[in-house]
Amino acid sequence: MAGLIVLTVCALLLAAFLGRKLYLLKQDVYRFADQLEKSLDGIISGKEPGEDCEDEVCGDVACGDCEDEDTLWGKIYEKLRRADHIWQRKEEESLSEKNKMKELISDISHQTKTPVANLKLCMEILQDEPMSERAEEFLNSMEGQIEKLDFLIQGMVKISRLETGVITIRDRESDLRATIGRAVAAIVPKAEEKQIRLYVDCDREIQIRHDGKWTEEAIFNLLDNGVKYTDAGGEIHIEVKVQEMFIQICIRDTGKGIAPERQAEIFTRFYREPEVHEQEGIGIGLYLARKIIELQKGYIEVKSEVGEGAEFRIYLLNT
């Protein structure tokens, strides 16, 4: 009987001891998780790991243990500190590279703008001078090549600025209809040359947050693509639909259409369909349009069949 009592007491003591150990272990885990969370929050906010560490917050794994690499927290802390320093150095290097790229792009833009402008001026002067029919033919050819060169340079500069973050999207609440109107007005001369009729269905102001300048650029590029690949006498329809989460801008043309297997490729840089190389362009308009809309947390989709025209849909957040 006495032995049974002793065994029972021992079992109770063992259970109490194990319960206490389990409780302390759980407390250590909770404190460790809390300290890890605070350190990660500090890194995210730009502070050193453990910078805000205080004894009353950290408990037993307090500031003194941060420097002790023999403890579990000390090891984790040291790894976090190293990772933080690596990230900071990478960020500084990235910023330095971005600044260098910004200077390079600005220099290229400045250095090419002046000679192209001078070439255009010389062309205009020469066109007023009497010359043979053959000389005039060459002059017109040179004018076309200069325009292509200017377009290529400006396109490359825009791509570089967007991709390196030199130009950032600055969205503010403004009238989307006015943005669309500017893009349509810019494409009218090209459309009139091919006798392509433009129709716009947007009968009211739509106030949303967007970058008017760059969104206009994206819409213009889609319209330019439509005019380029639509035969003379065709049509382009622009329709705006207000949805619950998005504003949809639909641009539909009566052009040659796009094969389904190529529809993913048309938004890549410098992509041009094999059968349209006689058309002007270098294959950056749709890429730029997609990039601009994505930077505004929107997206573009295309629906098309060969010979049945193309329909591009821009989706911008309705906020």
C-alpha atoms as a PDB file:
ATOM      1  CA  MET A   1       0.000   0.000   0.000  1.00  0.00           C
ATOM      2  CA  ALA A   2       2.798   2.363   0.950  1.00  0.00           C
ATOM      3  CA  GLY A   3       4.587   1.507  -2.302  1.00  0.00           C
ATOM      4  CA  LEU A   4       1.486   2.394  -4.305  1.00  0.00           C
ATOM      5  CA  ILE A   5       1.250   5.760  -2.557  1.00  0.00           C
ATOM      6  CA  VAL A   6       4.910   6.444  -3.320  1.00  0.00           C
ATOM      7  CA  LEU A   7       4.406   5.539  -6.985  1.00  0.00           C
ATOM      8  CA  THR A   8       1.349   7.796  -7.197  1.00  0.00           C
ATOM      9  CA  VAL A   9       3.222  10.707  -5.628  1.00  0.00           C
ATOM     10  CA  CYS A  10       6.174  10.151  -7.990  1.00  0.00           C
ATOM     11  CA  ALA A  11       3.832  10.046 -10.980  1.00  0.00           C
ATOM     12  CA  LEU A  12       2.146  13.276  -9.884  1.00  0.00           C
ATOM     13  CA  LEU A  13       5.497  14.957  -9.352  1.00  0.00           C
ATOM     14  CA  LEU A  14       6.702  13.774 -12.769  1.00  0.00           C
ATOM     15  CA  ALA A  15       3.502  15.007 -14.410  1.00  0.00           C
ATOM     16  CA  ALA A  16       3.861  18.371 -12.679  1.00  0.00           C
ATOM     17  CA  PHE A  17       7.501  18.588 -13.746  1.00  0.00           C
ATOM     18  CA  LEU A  18       6.705  17.719 -17.368  1.00  0.00           C
ATOM     19  CA  GLY A  19       3.757  20.099 -17.346  1.00  0.00           C
ATOM     20  CA  ARG A  20       6.002  22.890 -16.079  1.00  0.00           C
ATOM     21  CA  LYS A  21       8.632  22.104 -18.726  1.00  0.00           C
ATOM     22  CA  LEU A  22       5.980  22.088 -21.440  1.00  0.00           C
ATOM     23  CA  TYR A  23       4.610  25.416 -20.202  1.00  0.00           C
ATOM     24  CA  LEU A  24       8.082  27.008 -20.175  1.00  0.00           C
ATOM     25  CA  LEU A  25       8.826  25.588 -23.636  1.00  0.00           C
ATOM     26  CA  LYS A  26       5.593  27.058 -24.991  1.00  0.00           C
ATOM     27  CA  GLN A  27       6.455  30.418 -23.409  1.00  0.00           C
ATOM     28  CA  ASP A  28       9.896  30.314 -25.035  1.00  0.00           C
ATOM     29  CA  VAL A  29       8.345  29.521 -28.420  1.00  0.00           C
ATOM     30  CA  TYR A  30       5.838  32.379 -28.066  1.00  0.00           C
ATOM     31  CA  ARG A  31       8.587  34.831 -27.051  1.00  0.00           C
ATOM     32  CA  PHE A  32      10.813  33.661 -29.902  1.00  0.00           C
ATOM     33  CA  ALA A  33       8.005  34.027 -32.441  1.00  0.00           C
ATOM     34  CA  ASP A  34       7.145  37.467 -31.047  1.00  0.00           C
ATOM     35  CA  GLN A  35      10.749  38.647 -31.232  1.00  0.00           C
ATOM     36  CA  LEU A  36      11.166  37.241 -34.762  1.00  0.00           C
ATOM     37  CA  GLU A  37       8.003  39.038 -35.878  1.00  0.00           C
ATOM     38  CA  LYS A  38       9.194  42.329 -34.349  1.00  0.00           C
ATOM     39  CA  SER A  39      12.594  42.010 -36.015  1.00  0.00           C
ATOM     40  CA  LEU A  40      11.037  41.264 -39.421  1.00  0.00           C
ATOM     41  CA  ASP A  41       8.687  44.239 -38.984  1.00  0.00           C
ATOM     42  CA  GLY A  42      11.728  46.372 -38.211  1.00  0.00           C
ATOM     43  CA  ILE A  43      13.525  45.193 -41.359  1.00  0.00           C
ATOM     44  CA  ILE A  44      10.438  45.916 -43.472  1.00  0.00           C
ATOM     45  CA  SER A  45      10.250  49.447 -42.027  1.00  0.00           C
ATOM     46  CA  GLY A  46      13.957  50.029 -42.719  1.00  0.00           C
ATOM     47  CA  LYS A  47      15.362  49.473 -39.205  1.00  0.00           C
ATOM     48  CA  GLU A  48      18.133  47.200 -37.995  1.00  0.00           C
ATOM     49  CA  PRO A  49      16.977  43.834 -36.588  1.00  0.00           C
ATOM     50  CA  GLY A  50      16.406  44.289 -32.844  1.00  0.00           C
ATOM     51  CA  GLU A  51      16.780  48.087 -33.066  1.00  0.00           C
ATOM     52  CA  ASP A  52      13.602  48.596 -31.015  1.00  0.00           C
ATOM     53  CA  CYS A  53      14.413  45.690 -28.714  1.00  0.00           C
ATOM     54  CA  GLU A  54      13.596  46.449 -25.057  1.00  0.00           C
ATOM     55  CA  ASP A  55      13.880  44.162 -22.041  1.00  0.00           C
ATOM     56  CA  GLU A  56      10.249  44.516 -21.077  1.00  0.00           C
ATOM     57  CA  VAL A  57       9.240  43.419 -24.585  1.00  0.00           C
ATOM     58  CA  CYS A  58      11.753  40.686 -25.272  1.00  0.00           C
ATOM     59  CA  GLY A  59      11.588  38.900 -21.974  1.00  0.00           C
ATOM     60  CA  ASP A  60      14.225  36.217 -21.521  1.00  0.00           C
ATOM     61  CA  VAL A  61      15.502  36.523 -25.088  1.00  0.00           C
ATOM     62  CA  ALA A  62      16.284  40.175 -24.575  1.00  0.00           C
ATOM     63  CA  CYS A  63      18.827  42.477 -26.099  1.00  0.00           C
ATOM     64  CA  GLY A  64      21.826  40.917 -24.424  1.00  0.00           C
ATOM     65  CA  ASP A  65      21.154  37.580 -26.069  1.00  0.00           C
ATOM     66  CA  CYS A  66      21.083  39.151 -29.540  1.00  0.00           C
ATOM     67  CA  GLU A  67      24.877  39.242 -29.593  1.00  0.00           C
ATOM     68  CA  ASP A  68      25.220  35.704 -28.127  1.00  0.00           C
ATOM     69  CA  GLU A  69      25.493  33.374 -31.115  1.00  0.00           C
ATOM     70  CA  ASP A  70      25.292  30.296 -28.838  1.00  0.00           C
ATOM     71  CA  THR A  71      21.573  30.806 -28.296  1.00  0.00           C
ATOM     72  CA  LEU A  72      18.962  29.982 -30.928  1.00  0.00           C
ATOM     73  CA  TRP A  73      17.798  33.589 -31.069  1.00  0.00           C
ATOM     74  CA  GLY A  74      21.393  34.796 -31.282  1.00  0.00           C
ATOM     75  CA  LYS A  75      21.972  32.629 -34.358  1.00  0.00           C
ATOM     76  CA  ILE A  76      18.733  33.756 -35.995  1.00  0.00           C
ATOM     77  CA  TYR A  77      19.468  37.386 -35.142  1.00  0.00           C
ATOM     78  CA  GLU A  78      22.903  37.207 -36.740  1.00  0.00           C
ATOM     79  CA  LYS A  79      21.424  35.682 -39.918  1.00  0.00           C
ATOM     80  CA  LEU A  80      18.755  38.393 -40.050  1.00  0.00           C
ATOM     81  CA  ARG A  81      21.361  41.107 -39.557  1.00  0.00           C
ATOM     82  CA  ARG A  82      23.510  39.752 -42.390  1.00  0.00           C
ATOM     83  CA  ALA A  83      20.527  39.391 -44.698  1.00  0.00           C
ATOM     84  CA  ASP A  84      19.462  42.946 -43.877  1.00  0.00           C
ATOM     85  CA  HIS A  85      22.918  44.301 -44.704  1.00  0.00           C
ATOM     86  CA  ILE A  86      22.959  42.358 -47.995  1.00  0.00           C
ATOM     87  CA  TRP A  87      19.533  43.740 -48.941  1.00  0.00           C
ATOM     88  CA  GLN A  88      20.616  47.278 -48.079  1.00  0.00           C
ATOM     89  CA  ARG A  89      23.763  46.947 -50.167  1.00  0.00           C
ATOM     90  CA  LYS A  90      21.785  45.521 -53.106  1.00  0.00           C
ATOM     91  CA  GLU A  91      19.285  48.362 -52.812  1.00  0.00           C
ATOM     92  CA  GLU A  92      22.090  50.945 -52.811  1.00  0.00           C
ATOM     93  CA  GLU A  93      23.678  49.281 -55.852  1.00  0.00           C
ATOM     94  CA  SER A  94      20.313  49.171 -57.621  1.00  0.00           C
ATOM     95  CA  LEU A  95      19.721  52.859 -56.893  1.00  0.00           C
ATOM     96  CA  SER A  96      23.208  53.706 -58.145  1.00  0.00           C
ATOM     97  CA  GLU A  97      22.660  51.713 -61.358  1.00  0.00           C
ATOM     98  CA  LYS A  98      19.262  53.336 -61.842  1.00  0.00           C
ATOM     99  CA  ASN A  99      20.798  56.803 -61.501  1.00  0.00           C
ATOM    100  CA  LYS A 100      23.500  55.894 -64.022  1.00  0.00           C
ATOM    101  CA  MET A 101      20.870  54.584 -66.419  1.00  0.00           C
ATOM    102  CA  LYS A 102      18.824  57.736 -65.936  1.00  0.00           C
ATOM    103  CA  GLU A 103      21.829  59.875 -66.834  1.00  0.00           C
ATOM    104  CA  LEU A 104      22.600  57.658 -69.850  1.00  0.00           C
ATOM    105  CA  ILE A 105      19.023  57.794 -71.152  1.00  0.00           C
ATOM    106  CA  SER A 106      18.855  61.559 -70.673  1.00  0.00           C
ATOM    107  CA  ASP A 107      22.184  61.928 -72.478  1.00  0.00           C
ATOM    108  CA  ILE A 108      21.071  59.715 -75.386  1.00  0.00           C
ATOM    109  CA  SER A 109      17.790  61.592 -75.648  1.00  0.00           C
ATOM    110  CA  HIS A 110      19.543  64.959 -75.622  1.00  0.00           C
ATOM    111  CA  GLN A 111      22.362  63.942 -77.967  1.00  0.00           C
ATOM    112  CA  THR A 112      20.009  62.478 -80.607  1.00  0.00           C
ATOM    113  CA  LYS A 113      17.274  65.110 -80.423  1.00  0.00           C
ATOM    114  CA  THR A 114      19.438  67.911 -81.825  1.00  0.00           C
ATOM    115  CA  PRO A 115      20.860  66.100 -84.900  1.00  0.00           C
ATOM    116  CA  VAL A 116      17.439  64.668 -85.811  1.00  0.00           C
ATOM    117  CA  ALA A 117      15.882  68.122 -85.513  1.00  0.00           C
ATOM    118  CA  ASN A 118      18.670  69.551 -87.696  1.00  0.00           C
ATOM    119  CA  LEU A 119      18.132  66.837 -90.308  1.00  0.00           C
ATOM    120  CA  LYS A 120      14.408  67.629 -90.390  1.00  0.00           C
ATOM    121  CA  LEU A 121      15.156  71.335 -90.797  1.00  0.00           C
ATOM    122  CA  CYS A 122      17.571  70.647 -93.660  1.00  0.00           C
ATOM    123  CA  MET A 123      14.956  68.450 -95.313  1.00  0.00           C
ATOM    124  CA  GLU A 124      12.366  71.233 -95.151  1.00  0.00           C
ATOM    125  CA  ILE A 125      14.833  73.716 -96.696  1.00  0.00           C
ATOM    126  CA  LEU A 126      15.784  71.312 -99.476  1.00  0.00           C
ATOM    127  CA  GLN A 127      12.132  70.597-100.285  1.00  0.00           C
ATOM    128  CA  ASP A 128      11.664  74.285-101.137  1.00  0.00           C
ATOM    129  CA  GLU A 129      14.561  74.184-103.587  1.00  0.00           C
ATOM    130  CA  PRO A 130      14.117  73.307-107.293  1.00  0.00           C
ATOM    131  CA  MET A 131      15.442  69.824-108.082  1.00  0.00           C
ATOM    132  CA  SER A 132      15.062  66.973-110.511  1.00  0.00           C
ATOM    133  CA  GLU A 133      12.337  64.382-110.144  1.00  0.00           C
ATOM    134  CA  ARG A 134      14.891  61.739-109.138  1.00  0.00           C
ATOM    135  CA  ALA A 135      16.426  64.017-106.483  1.00  0.00           C
ATOM    136  CA  GLU A 136      12.971  64.735-105.117  1.00  0.00           C
ATOM    137  CA  GLU A 137      12.296  60.992-104.904  1.00  0.00           C
ATOM    138  CA  PHE A 138      15.483  60.449-102.910  1.00  0.00           C
ATOM    139  CA  LEU A 139      14.654  63.390-100.680  1.00  0.00           C
ATOM    140  CA  ASN A 140      11.218  61.970 -99.869  1.00  0.00           C
ATOM    141  CA  SER A 141      12.812  58.616 -99.086  1.00  0.00           C
ATOM    142  CA  MET A 142      15.301  60.296 -96.747  1.00  0.00           C
ATOM    143  CA  GLU A 143      12.459  62.119 -95.003  1.00  0.00           C
ATOM    144  CA  GLY A 144      10.702  58.815 -94.313  1.00  0.00           C
ATOM    145  CA  GLN A 145      13.879  57.269 -92.925  1.00  0.00           C
ATOM    146  CA  ILE A 146      14.505  60.261 -90.647  1.00  0.00           C
ATOM    147  CA  GLU A 147      10.946  59.961 -89.288  1.00  0.00           C
ATOM    148  CA  LYS A 148      11.513  56.260 -88.621  1.00  0.00           C
ATOM    149  CA  LEU A 149      14.816  57.000 -86.883  1.00  0.00           C
ATOM    150  CA  ASP A 150      13.164  59.635 -84.690  1.00  0.00           C
ATOM    151  CA  PHE A 151      10.291  57.259 -83.843  1.00  0.00           C
ATOM    152  CA  LEU A 152      12.723  54.453 -82.990  1.00  0.00           C
ATOM    153  CA  ILE A 153      14.825  56.638 -80.702  1.00  0.00           C
ATOM    154  CA  GLN A 154      11.793  58.033 -78.873  1.00  0.00           C
ATOM    155  CA  GLY A 155      10.344  54.548 -78.490  1.00  0.00           C
ATOM    156  CA  MET A 156      13.569  53.153 -77.080  1.00  0.00           C
ATOM    157  CA  VAL A 157      13.857  56.051 -74.651  1.00  0.00           C
ATOM    158  CA  LYS A 158      10.271  55.481 -73.437  1.00  0.00           C
ATOM    159  CA  ILE A 159      10.867  51.752 -72.934  1.00  0.00           C
ATOM    160  CA  SER A 160      14.117  52.358 -71.055  1.00  0.00           C
ATOM    161  CA  ARG A 161      12.554  54.969 -68.805  1.00  0.00           C
ATOM    162  CA  LEU A 162       9.611  52.753 -67.928  1.00  0.00           C
ATOM    163  CA  GLU A 163      11.650  49.591 -67.346  1.00  0.00           C
ATOM    164  CA  THR A 164      14.292  51.284 -65.192  1.00  0.00           C
ATOM    165  CA  GLY A 165      11.736  53.200 -63.152  1.00  0.00           C
ATOM    166  CA  VAL A 166      13.093  56.549 -64.323  1.00  0.00           C
ATOM    167  CA  ILE A 167       9.526  57.422 -65.262  1.00  0.00           C
ATOM    168  CA  THR A 168       6.952  56.380 -62.701  1.00  0.00           C
ATOM    169  CA  ILE A 169       3.202  56.256 -63.038  1.00  0.00           C
ATOM    170  CA  ARG A 170       1.605  59.181 -61.218  1.00  0.00           C
ATOM    171  CA  ASP A 171      -2.060  58.421 -60.961  1.00  0.00           C
ATOM    172  CA  ARG A 172      -4.584  60.971 -59.801  1.00  0.00           C
ATOM    173  CA  GLU A 173      -8.321  61.191 -60.075  1.00  0.00           C
ATOM    174  CA  SER A 174      -9.235  62.706 -63.426  1.00  0.00           C
ATOM    175  CA  ASP A 175     -11.665  62.320 -66.311  1.00  0.00           C
ATOM    176  CA  LEU A 176     -10.933  59.190 -68.348  1.00  0.00           C
ATOM    177  CA  ARG A 177     -13.067  60.468 -71.212  1.00  0.00           C
ATOM    178  CA  ALA A 178     -10.718  63.442 -71.630  1.00  0.00           C
ATOM    179  CA  THR A 179      -7.723  61.060 -71.733  1.00  0.00           C
ATOM    180  CA  ILE A 180      -9.381  58.957 -74.429  1.00  0.00           C
ATOM    181  CA  GLY A 181     -10.323  62.123 -76.331  1.00  0.00           C
ATOM    182  CA  ARG A 182      -6.691  63.252 -76.536  1.00  0.00           C
ATOM    183  CA  ALA A 183      -5.587  59.847 -77.829  1.00  0.00           C
ATOM    184  CA  VAL A 184      -8.346  59.838 -80.471  1.00  0.00           C
ATOM    185  CA  ALA A 185      -7.499  63.390 -81.549  1.00  0.00           C
ATOM    186  CA  ALA A 186      -3.854  62.369 -82.024  1.00  0.00           C
ATOM    187  CA  ILE A 187      -4.760  59.438 -84.300  1.00  0.00           C
ATOM    188  CA  VAL A 188      -7.298  61.344 -86.445  1.00  0.00           C
ATOM    189  CA  PRO A 189      -4.752  62.554 -89.088  1.00  0.00           C
ATOM    190  CA  LYS A 190      -3.511  59.004 -89.760  1.00  0.00           C
ATOM    191  CA  ALA A 191      -7.067  57.662 -89.858  1.00  0.00           C
ATOM    192  CA  GLU A 192      -8.150  60.357 -92.308  1.00  0.00           C
ATOM    193  CA  GLU A 193      -5.275  59.496 -94.647  1.00  0.00           C
ATOM    194  CA  LYS A 194      -6.708  55.973 -94.989  1.00  0.00           C
ATOM    195  CA  GLN A 195     -10.340  57.131 -94.817  1.00  0.00           C
ATOM    196  CA  ILE A 196     -10.875  55.045 -91.668  1.00  0.00           C
ATOM    197  CA  ARG A 197     -13.916  56.083 -89.661  1.00  0.00           C
ATOM    198  CA  LEU A 198     -13.575  56.441 -85.874  1.00  0.00           C
ATOM    199  CA  TYR A 199     -16.505  55.925 -83.493  1.00  0.00           C
ATOM    200  CA  VAL A 200     -16.360  56.711 -79.771  1.00  0.00           C
ATOM    201  CA  ASP A 201     -19.014  55.550 -77.308  1.00  0.00           C
ATOM    202  CA  CYS A 202     -18.350  57.352 -74.029  1.00  0.00           C
ATOM    203  CA  ASP A 203     -21.163  59.764 -73.320  1.00  0.00           C
ATOM    204  CA  ARG A 204     -20.263  60.880 -69.799  1.00  0.00           C
ATOM    205  CA  GLU A 205     -17.370  61.857 -67.576  1.00  0.00           C
ATOM    206  CA  ILE A 206     -15.685  58.958 -65.802  1.00  0.00           C
ATOM    207  CA  GLN A 207     -13.580  60.011 -62.853  1.00  0.00           C
ATOM    208  CA  ILE A 208     -10.980  57.376 -61.923  1.00  0.00           C
ATOM    209  CA  ARG A 209      -7.411  57.383 -60.646  1.00  0.00           C
ATOM    210  CA  HIS A 210      -5.016  57.003 -63.565  1.00  0.00           C
ATOM    211  CA  ASP A 211      -1.973  58.621 -65.156  1.00  0.00           C
ATOM    212  CA  GLY A 212      -3.513  60.680 -67.949  1.00  0.00           C
ATOM    213  CA  LYS A 213      -0.323  61.143 -69.954  1.00  0.00           C
ATOM    214  CA  TRP A 214       0.784  57.494 -70.004  1.00  0.00           C
ATOM    215  CA  THR A 215      -2.740  56.072 -70.333  1.00  0.00           C
ATOM    216  CA  GLU A 216      -3.202  58.323 -73.367  1.00  0.00           C
ATOM    217  CA  GLU A 217       0.037  56.866 -74.759  1.00  0.00           C
ATOM    218  CA  ALA A 218      -1.247  53.303 -74.273  1.00  0.00           C
ATOM    219  CA  ILE A 219      -4.620  54.031 -75.922  1.00  0.00           C
ATOM    220  CA  PHE A 220      -2.928  55.864 -78.803  1.00  0.00           C
ATOM    221  CA  ASN A 221      -0.615  52.894 -79.433  1.00  0.00           C
ATOM    222  CA  LEU A 222      -3.601  50.545 -79.683  1.00  0.00           C
ATOM    223  CA  LEU A 223      -5.406  52.959 -82.010  1.00  0.00           C
ATOM    224  CA  ASP A 224      -2.248  53.362 -84.108  1.00  0.00           C
ATOM    225  CA  ASN A 225      -2.007  49.585 -84.373  1.00  0.00           C
ATOM    226  CA  GLY A 226      -5.636  49.462 -85.520  1.00  0.00           C
ATOM    227  CA  VAL A 227      -5.147  52.146 -88.178  1.00  0.00           C
ATOM    228  CA  LYS A 228      -1.953  50.504 -89.412  1.00  0.00           C
ATOM    229  CA  TYR A 229      -3.511  47.095 -90.020  1.00  0.00           C
ATOM    230  CA  THR A 230      -6.975  48.175 -91.163  1.00  0.00           C
ATOM    231  CA  ASP A 231      -7.540  48.624 -94.881  1.00  0.00           C
ATOM    232  CA  ALA A 232      -8.657  51.966 -96.330  1.00  0.00           C
ATOM    233  CA  GLY A 233     -12.341  52.633 -95.713  1.00  0.00           C
ATOM    234  CA  GLY A 234     -12.430  50.497 -92.565  1.00  0.00           C
ATOM    235  CA  GLU A 235     -13.696  51.358 -89.106  1.00  0.00           C
ATOM    236  CA  ILE A 236     -12.407  51.564 -85.534  1.00  0.00           C
ATOM    237  CA  HIS A 237     -14.819  51.603 -82.587  1.00  0.00           C
ATOM    238  CA  ILE A 238     -13.864  52.783 -79.097  1.00  0.00           C
ATOM    239  CA  GLU A 239     -16.345  51.826 -76.377  1.00  0.00           C
ATOM    240  CA  VAL A 240     -16.096  52.449 -72.617  1.00  0.00           C
ATOM    241  CA  LYS A 241     -17.933  50.212 -70.144  1.00  0.00           C
ATOM    242  CA  VAL A 242     -18.165  50.850 -66.400  1.00  0.00           C
ATOM    243  CA  GLN A 243     -17.963  47.607 -64.437  1.00  0.00           C
ATOM    244  CA  GLU A 244     -18.000  46.927 -60.723  1.00  0.00           C
ATOM    245  CA  MET A 245     -14.225  46.540 -60.306  1.00  0.00           C
ATOM    246  CA  PHE A 246     -12.857  47.784 -63.631  1.00  0.00           C
ATOM    247  CA  ILE A 247     -13.361  50.341 -66.358  1.00  0.00           C
ATOM    248  CA  GLN A 248     -13.168  48.578 -69.718  1.00  0.00           C
ATOM    249  CA  ILE A 249     -11.923  50.455 -72.788  1.00  0.00           C
ATOM    250  CA  CYS A 250     -12.683  48.367 -75.863  1.00  0.00           C
ATOM    251  CA  ILE A 251     -10.900  49.203 -79.149  1.00  0.00           C
ATOM    252  CA  ARG A 252     -12.289  47.173 -82.052  1.00  0.00           C
ATOM    253  CA  ASP A 253     -11.113  47.425 -85.678  1.00  0.00           C
ATOM    254  CA  THR A 254     -12.074  45.848 -88.990  1.00  0.00           C
ATOM    255  CA  GLY A 255      -8.486  44.976 -89.897  1.00  0.00           C
ATOM    256  CA  LYS A 256      -6.706  41.788 -90.885  1.00  0.00           C
ATOM    257  CA  GLY A 257      -7.029  40.151 -87.469  1.00  0.00           C
ATOM    258  CA  ILE A 258      -4.475  38.171 -85.441  1.00  0.00           C
ATOM    259  CA  ALA A 259      -4.031  34.392 -85.432  1.00  0.00           C
ATOM    260  CA  PRO A 260      -4.822  32.888 -81.972  1.00  0.00           C
ATOM    261  CA  GLU A 261      -1.359  31.312 -81.661  1.00  0.00           C
ATOM    262  CA  ARG A 262       0.275  34.735 -82.051  1.00  0.00           C
ATOM    263  CA  GLN A 263      -1.886  36.696 -79.639  1.00  0.00           C
ATOM    264  CA  ALA A 264       0.439  36.149 -76.672  1.00  0.00           C
ATOM    265  CA  GLU A 265       3.504  37.205 -78.675  1.00  0.00           C
ATOM    266  CA  ILE A 266       2.217  40.545 -79.965  1.00  0.00           C
ATOM    267  CA  PHE A 267       2.817  42.200 -76.570  1.00  0.00           C
ATOM    268  CA  THR A 268       6.518  41.285 -76.461  1.00  0.00           C
ATOM    269  CA  ARG A 269       9.263  43.742 -77.355  1.00  0.00           C
ATOM    270  CA  PHE A 270      10.106  44.139 -81.044  1.00  0.00           C
ATOM    271  CA  TYR A 271       7.695  41.411 -82.124  1.00  0.00           C
ATOM    272  CA  ARG A 272       6.271  41.818 -85.609  1.00  0.00           C
ATOM    273  CA  GLU A 273       4.184  39.324 -87.506  1.00  0.00           C
ATOM    274  CA  PRO A 274       6.100  37.852 -90.480  1.00  0.00           C
ATOM    275  CA  GLU A 275       3.623  39.018 -93.109  1.00  0.00           C
ATOM    276  CA  VAL A 276       3.524  42.687 -92.039  1.00  0.00           C
ATOM    277  CA  HIS A 277       7.169  43.687 -92.382  1.00  0.00           C
ATOM    278  CA  GLU A 278       6.259  46.063 -95.186  1.00  0.00           C
ATOM    279  CA  GLN A 279       4.303  48.143 -92.639  1.00  0.00           C
ATOM    280  CA  GLU A 280       6.086  50.886 -90.728  1.00  0.00           C
ATOM    281  CA  GLY A 281       6.914  50.244 -87.108  1.00  0.00           C
ATOM    282  CA  ILE A 282       9.434  48.408 -84.937  1.00  0.00           C
ATOM    283  CA  GLY A 283       7.169  46.350 -82.664  1.00  0.00           C
ATOM    284  CA  ILE A 284       7.184  48.335 -79.430  1.00  0.00           C
ATOM    285  CA  GLY A 285       3.744  50.013 -79.432  1.00  0.00           C
ATOM    286  CA  LEU A 286       1.769  47.102 -77.969  1.00  0.00           C
ATOM    287  CA  TYR A 287       4.586  46.258 -75.558  1.00  0.00           C
ATOM    288  CA  LEU A 288       4.549  49.824 -74.241  1.00  0.00           C
ATOM    289  CA  ALA A 289       0.760  49.792 -73.956  1.00  0.00           C
ATOM    290  CA  ARG A 290       0.788  46.604 -71.896  1.00  0.00           C
ATOM    291  CA  LYS A 291       3.600  47.849 -69.667  1.00  0.00           C
ATOM    292  CA  ILE A 292       1.840  51.162 -68.993  1.00  0.00           C
ATOM    293  CA  ILE A 293      -1.467  49.520 -68.077  1.00  0.00           C
ATOM    294  CA  GLU A 294       0.185  46.885 -65.874  1.00  0.00           C
ATOM    295  CA  LEU A 295       2.014  49.608 -63.939  1.00  0.00           C
ATOM    296  CA  GLN A 296      -1.448  50.969 -63.094  1.00  0.00           C
ATOM    297  CA  LYS A 297      -2.547  47.529 -61.792  1.00  0.00           C
ATOM    298  CA  GLY A 298      -4.649  46.920 -64.894  1.00  0.00           C
ATOM    299  CA  TYR A 299      -4.315  44.566 -67.843  1.00  0.00           C
ATOM    300  CA  ILE A 300      -4.950  44.228 -71.578  1.00  0.00           C
ATOM    301  CA  GLU A 301      -6.526  41.303 -73.416  1.00  0.00           C
ATOM    302  CA  VAL A 302      -7.057  40.684 -77.122  1.00  0.00           C
ATOM    303  CA  LYS A 303      -9.757  38.776 -78.980  1.00  0.00           C
ATOM    304  CA  SER A 304      -9.314  38.207 -82.683  1.00  0.00           C
ATOM    305  CA  GLU A 305      -9.627  35.843 -85.617  1.00  0.00           C
ATOM    306  CA  VAL A 306      -7.747  36.087 -88.904  1.00  0.00           C
ATOM    307  CA  GLY A 307      -9.681  38.238 -91.363  1.00  0.00           C
ATOM    308  CA  GLU A 308     -12.226  39.381 -88.754  1.00  0.00           C
ATOM    309  CA  GLY A 309     -10.452  42.340 -87.169  1.00  0.00           C
ATOM    310  CA  ALA A 310      -9.072  42.630 -83.641  1.00  0.00           C
ATOM    311  CA  GLU A 311     -10.559  43.715 -80.337  1.00  0.00           C
ATOM    312  CA  PHE A 312      -8.269  45.022 -77.601  1.00  0.00           C
ATOM    313  CA  ARG A 313      -9.684  45.514 -74.129  1.00  0.00           C
ATOM    314  CA  ILE A 314      -7.983  47.699 -71.544  1.00  0.00           C
ATOM    315  CA  TYR A 315      -9.026  47.153 -67.911  1.00  0.00           C
ATOM    316  CA  LEU A 316      -8.309  49.899 -65.369  1.00  0.00           C
ATOM    317  CA  LEU A 317      -9.260  49.699 -61.714  1.00  0.00           C
ATOM    318  CA  ASN A 318     -12.580  51.442 -61.017  1.00  0.00           C
ATOM    319  CA  THR A 319     -11.524  53.382 -57.918  1.00  0.00           C
END
